[in-house]
Amino acid sequence: MSHILIGLALCAGLLIYPGGATLVGLSVLVASGASWGRSPRSWAWADAGPSFVPLMLASLVVIPLPWPGSPLVGLSVAGLGRVGVGGVALSAMGLLGLDLLAPVPGPDRWIRLLWSALSVTAILVLAELLSAADWSSLLGASGVGAEGGRLLVGGFCLLAAPWTAGSQPELRLRSASAWTARVCVATFLMLPQLERAPVWSALGAVLLACLVVGIAAGVGRRFRPQLAGRSG
């Protein structure tokens, strides 16, 4: 019976919450926000049909996070609950996989790999400095250094997204998934209180973060050519 319950919990975590359906909704917000202000105001994932690999990799990133109400939190068999079903290392591996899938032009490939390696390394270094193998320990660490480190690493994950995940998440599911995974990680790092928040308030905070980050990415992309033209 316990094996059946473990299987159901894993399926629910991967396919519904916090992965699967939740990630699709978050990716839609990132994509729609990034397309804000365009003419026409629309977005379309050219690769949405044939591949679910990006969503599965994004699930590997987000399921170790301490989502309130997650069906995986209570798992204790084989230490799954104790290390957050893979812990920080699984999230870092998933981010790296998403970055390698993201559509980035050939000449910028090495820049993408550099930003990806730096952002993933920053997460792992922070976890090592705080002696935290799981996200709950990393987010629960107290002190000015821990709080400052979480803010810096979370901000860096977001700043690296245009290079590592692709600059147009509204056009590629791969980009939208990579952006979404980074927003989830950054949101928990910057707001560790979400672990103890009610389910809907925590989910609402991440939903809002995805929309805001998507809009910021779209607005930044619109103004970048204008600024380049003025400087020229």
Protein backbone atom coordinates (compact mmCIF):
# COMPACT_ATOMS: atom_id res chain seq x y z
CA MET A 1 0.00 0.00 0.00
CA SER A 2 2.83 2.39 0.82
CA HIS A 3 4.35 1.87 -2.64
CA ILE A 4 1.04 2.79 -4.25
CA LEU A 5 0.83 5.96 -2.18
CA ILE A 6 4.42 6.90 -3.07
CA GLY A 7 3.67 6.36 -6.75
CA LEU A 8 0.52 8.47 -6.57
CA ALA A 9 2.39 11.25 -4.78
CA LEU A 10 5.18 11.24 -7.36
CA CYS A 11 2.67 11.31 -10.23
CA ALA A 12 0.75 14.14 -8.60
CA GLY A 13 3.93 16.12 -8.00
CA LEU A 14 5.27 15.63 -11.53
CA LEU A 15 2.04 15.98 -13.49
CA ILE A 16 -0.15 18.33 -11.47
CA TYR A 17 1.35 20.30 -8.56
CA PRO A 18 3.98 21.70 -8.38
CA GLY A 19 4.98 20.29 -11.79
CA GLY A 20 2.91 19.54 -14.85
CA ALA A 21 -0.30 21.56 -14.92
CA THR A 22 1.10 24.18 -12.56
CA LEU A 23 4.16 24.71 -14.77
CA VAL A 24 1.97 25.04 -17.86
CA GLY A 25 -0.03 27.79 -16.17
CA LEU A 26 3.12 29.57 -15.00
CA SER A 27 4.69 29.28 -18.47
CA VAL A 28 1.56 30.77 -20.03
CA LEU A 29 1.89 33.80 -17.73
CA VAL A 30 5.57 34.23 -18.60
CA ALA A 31 4.81 33.95 -22.33
CA SER A 32 1.78 36.25 -22.27
CA GLY A 33 3.67 38.79 -20.18
CA ALA A 34 6.63 38.73 -22.57
CA SER A 35 4.29 39.36 -25.51
CA TRP A 36 2.64 42.32 -23.78
CA GLY A 37 2.60 45.45 -25.92
CA ARG A 38 3.34 43.64 -29.17
CA SER A 39 1.23 44.12 -32.25
CA PRO A 40 -0.75 41.98 -32.45
CA ARG A 41 -0.87 41.08 -28.78
CA SER A 42 -0.49 37.37 -29.21
CA TRP A 43 1.98 34.59 -28.63
CA ALA A 44 2.35 31.08 -29.98
CA TRP A 45 4.67 28.25 -28.98
CA ALA A 46 6.04 26.88 -32.22
CA ASP A 47 7.35 23.75 -30.49
CA ALA A 48 4.54 23.18 -28.00
CA GLY A 49 3.13 20.09 -29.70
CA PRO A 50 5.97 17.69 -30.35
CA SER A 51 7.98 17.92 -27.15
CA PHE A 52 7.18 17.68 -23.44
CA VAL A 53 10.82 17.29 -22.46
CA PRO A 54 11.15 20.95 -21.35
CA LEU A 55 8.19 20.62 -18.99
CA MET A 56 9.61 17.42 -17.51
CA LEU A 57 12.99 19.07 -16.95
CA ALA A 58 11.24 22.08 -15.40
CA SER A 59 9.42 19.65 -13.10
CA LEU A 60 12.78 18.32 -11.92
CA VAL A 61 13.75 21.90 -11.05
CA VAL A 62 10.64 22.85 -9.11
CA ILE A 63 9.51 19.66 -7.33
CA PRO A 64 12.36 19.77 -4.76
CA LEU A 65 11.27 23.29 -3.75
CA PRO A 66 9.29 23.31 -0.48
CA TRP A 67 5.91 24.12 -2.00
CA PRO A 68 3.23 24.29 0.69
CA GLY A 69 0.72 21.50 0.18
CA SER A 70 2.99 19.55 -2.16
CA PRO A 71 2.16 15.82 -2.14
CA LEU A 72 5.90 15.08 -2.02
CA VAL A 73 6.59 16.87 1.28
CA GLY A 74 5.33 14.01 3.42
CA LEU A 75 7.33 11.26 1.72
CA SER A 76 9.70 9.62 4.18
CA VAL A 77 10.49 6.31 2.48
CA ALA A 78 14.15 6.10 1.40
CA GLY A 79 14.72 9.60 2.72
CA LEU A 80 12.76 11.28 -0.07
CA GLY A 81 11.11 13.80 2.22
CA ARG A 82 14.30 14.48 4.15
CA VAL A 83 16.25 15.66 1.09
CA GLY A 84 13.33 17.20 -0.76
CA VAL A 85 13.20 14.51 -3.48
CA GLY A 86 16.61 15.27 -4.87
CA GLY A 87 17.30 18.50 -3.04
CA VAL A 88 19.21 21.47 -4.43
CA ALA A 89 21.33 19.27 -6.69
CA LEU A 90 18.30 18.03 -8.67
CA SER A 91 17.10 21.59 -9.24
CA ALA A 92 20.56 22.63 -10.44
CA MET A 93 20.75 19.66 -12.81
CA GLY A 94 17.30 20.45 -14.21
CA LEU A 95 18.22 24.09 -14.81
CA LEU A 96 21.35 23.09 -16.67
CA GLY A 97 19.36 20.69 -18.84
CA LEU A 98 16.80 23.37 -19.67
CA ASP A 99 19.53 25.84 -20.59
CA LEU A 100 21.08 23.34 -22.99
CA LEU A 101 17.69 22.92 -24.70
CA ALA A 102 16.94 26.63 -24.95
CA PRO A 103 17.03 28.05 -28.52
CA VAL A 104 20.04 30.37 -28.60
CA PRO A 105 21.87 31.37 -31.82
CA GLY A 106 25.16 29.61 -32.55
CA PRO A 107 27.53 32.57 -31.98
CA ASP A 108 26.04 33.09 -28.51
CA ARG A 109 26.32 29.44 -27.50
CA TRP A 110 29.38 29.88 -25.31
CA ILE A 111 27.88 32.95 -23.64
CA ARG A 112 24.78 30.90 -22.84
CA LEU A 113 26.85 28.08 -21.39
CA LEU A 114 28.90 30.54 -19.31
CA TRP A 115 25.85 32.25 -17.83
CA SER A 116 24.19 28.90 -17.21
CA ALA A 117 27.25 27.47 -15.47
CA LEU A 118 27.68 30.60 -13.35
CA SER A 119 24.05 30.71 -12.21
CA VAL A 120 23.90 26.99 -11.41
CA THR A 121 27.26 27.18 -9.63
CA ALA A 122 26.01 30.13 -7.58
CA ILE A 123 23.10 28.02 -6.30
CA LEU A 124 25.35 25.10 -5.43
CA VAL A 125 27.96 27.32 -3.75
CA LEU A 126 25.28 28.98 -1.63
CA ALA A 127 23.97 25.56 -0.59
CA GLU A 128 27.50 24.45 0.28
CA LEU A 129 28.23 27.59 2.31
CA LEU A 130 24.99 27.12 4.25
CA SER A 131 25.55 23.34 4.57
CA ALA A 132 22.13 22.77 3.02
CA ALA A 133 21.45 19.73 0.85
CA ASP A 134 17.72 20.42 0.62
CA TRP A 135 15.79 23.59 -0.13
CA SER A 136 14.10 23.74 3.26
CA SER A 137 17.50 23.97 4.98
CA LEU A 138 18.75 26.52 2.47
CA LEU A 139 15.68 28.73 2.82
CA GLY A 140 15.51 28.28 6.59
CA ALA A 141 19.11 29.35 7.26
CA SER A 142 19.15 32.50 9.37
CA GLY A 143 21.55 35.40 9.51
CA VAL A 144 22.38 38.44 7.42
CA GLY A 145 24.82 36.47 5.27
CA ALA A 146 22.24 33.79 4.44
CA GLU A 147 19.56 36.35 3.62
CA GLY A 148 21.91 38.43 1.50
CA GLY A 149 23.21 35.33 -0.30
CA ARG A 150 19.69 34.18 -1.16
CA LEU A 151 18.78 37.61 -2.56
CA LEU A 152 21.96 37.82 -4.63
CA VAL A 153 21.67 34.32 -6.06
CA GLY A 154 17.95 34.72 -6.76
CA GLY A 155 18.53 38.00 -8.54
CA PHE A 156 21.39 36.55 -10.54
CA CYS A 157 19.20 33.63 -11.68
CA LEU A 158 16.69 36.10 -13.10
CA LEU A 159 19.30 38.35 -14.71
CA ALA A 160 20.87 35.34 -16.42
CA ALA A 161 17.57 34.17 -17.93
CA PRO A 162 17.71 36.13 -21.24
CA TRP A 163 21.09 34.55 -22.03
CA THR A 164 20.52 31.04 -20.67
CA ALA A 165 16.83 30.50 -21.48
CA GLY A 166 16.43 32.54 -24.66
CA SER A 167 15.11 36.07 -25.02
CA GLN A 168 11.64 35.22 -26.42
CA PRO A 169 9.72 32.86 -24.10
CA GLU A 170 6.49 33.61 -25.97
CA LEU A 171 7.79 31.87 -29.10
CA ARG A 172 9.30 28.67 -27.71
CA LEU A 173 8.00 26.31 -25.06
CA ARG A 174 11.62 25.48 -24.25
CA SER A 175 12.33 29.11 -23.40
CA ALA A 176 9.10 29.57 -21.46
CA SER A 177 9.80 26.45 -19.38
CA ALA A 178 13.35 27.57 -18.62
CA TRP A 179 12.18 31.06 -17.67
CA THR A 180 9.44 29.60 -15.46
CA ALA A 181 11.82 27.28 -13.63
CA ARG A 182 14.21 30.15 -12.94
CA VAL A 183 11.40 32.39 -11.70
CA CYS A 184 10.24 29.67 -9.28
CA VAL A 185 13.75 29.19 -7.88
CA ALA A 186 14.36 32.94 -7.61
CA THR A 187 10.98 33.57 -5.95
CA PHE A 188 11.61 31.01 -3.22
CA LEU A 189 15.16 32.31 -2.70
CA MET A 190 13.97 35.91 -2.36
CA LEU A 191 10.82 35.04 -0.38
CA PRO A 192 11.70 32.02 1.79
CA GLN A 193 8.56 32.72 3.83
CA LEU A 194 6.55 31.10 1.02
CA GLU A 195 7.46 27.71 2.47
CA ARG A 196 5.28 28.46 5.49
CA ALA A 197 2.56 30.38 3.64
CA PRO A 198 -0.89 28.97 2.77
CA VAL A 199 -0.99 27.06 -0.49
CA TRP A 200 -2.95 29.60 -2.50
CA SER A 201 -0.99 32.61 -1.29
CA ALA A 202 2.33 30.93 -2.14
CA LEU A 203 1.07 29.83 -5.54
CA GLY A 204 -0.36 33.31 -6.13
CA ALA A 205 3.01 34.89 -5.36
CA VAL A 206 4.75 32.67 -7.91
CA LEU A 207 2.01 33.32 -10.49
CA LEU A 208 2.42 37.06 -10.02
CA ALA A 209 6.20 36.77 -10.21
CA CYS A 210 5.97 34.91 -13.54
CA LEU A 211 3.67 37.56 -15.00
CA VAL A 212 5.84 40.45 -13.79
CA VAL A 213 9.08 38.88 -15.00
CA GLY A 214 7.51 38.11 -18.38
CA ILE A 215 6.33 41.70 -18.77
CA ALA A 216 9.74 43.01 -17.71
CA ALA A 217 11.42 40.80 -20.32
CA GLY A 218 9.04 41.96 -23.04
CA VAL A 219 9.40 45.63 -22.16
CA GLY A 220 13.18 45.35 -21.97
CA ARG A 221 13.30 43.74 -25.40
CA ARG A 222 11.16 46.52 -26.87
CA PHE A 223 13.31 49.33 -25.51
CA ARG A 224 16.67 47.77 -26.25
CA PRO A 225 16.62 48.56 -30.01
CA GLN A 226 15.44 52.11 -29.29
CA LEU A 227 18.31 52.73 -26.89
CA ALA A 228 20.77 51.25 -29.39
CA GLY A 229 19.43 53.53 -32.11
CA ARG A 230 19.76 56.63 -29.94
CA SER A 231 23.31 55.76 -28.91
CA GLY A 232 24.22 55.23 -32.57
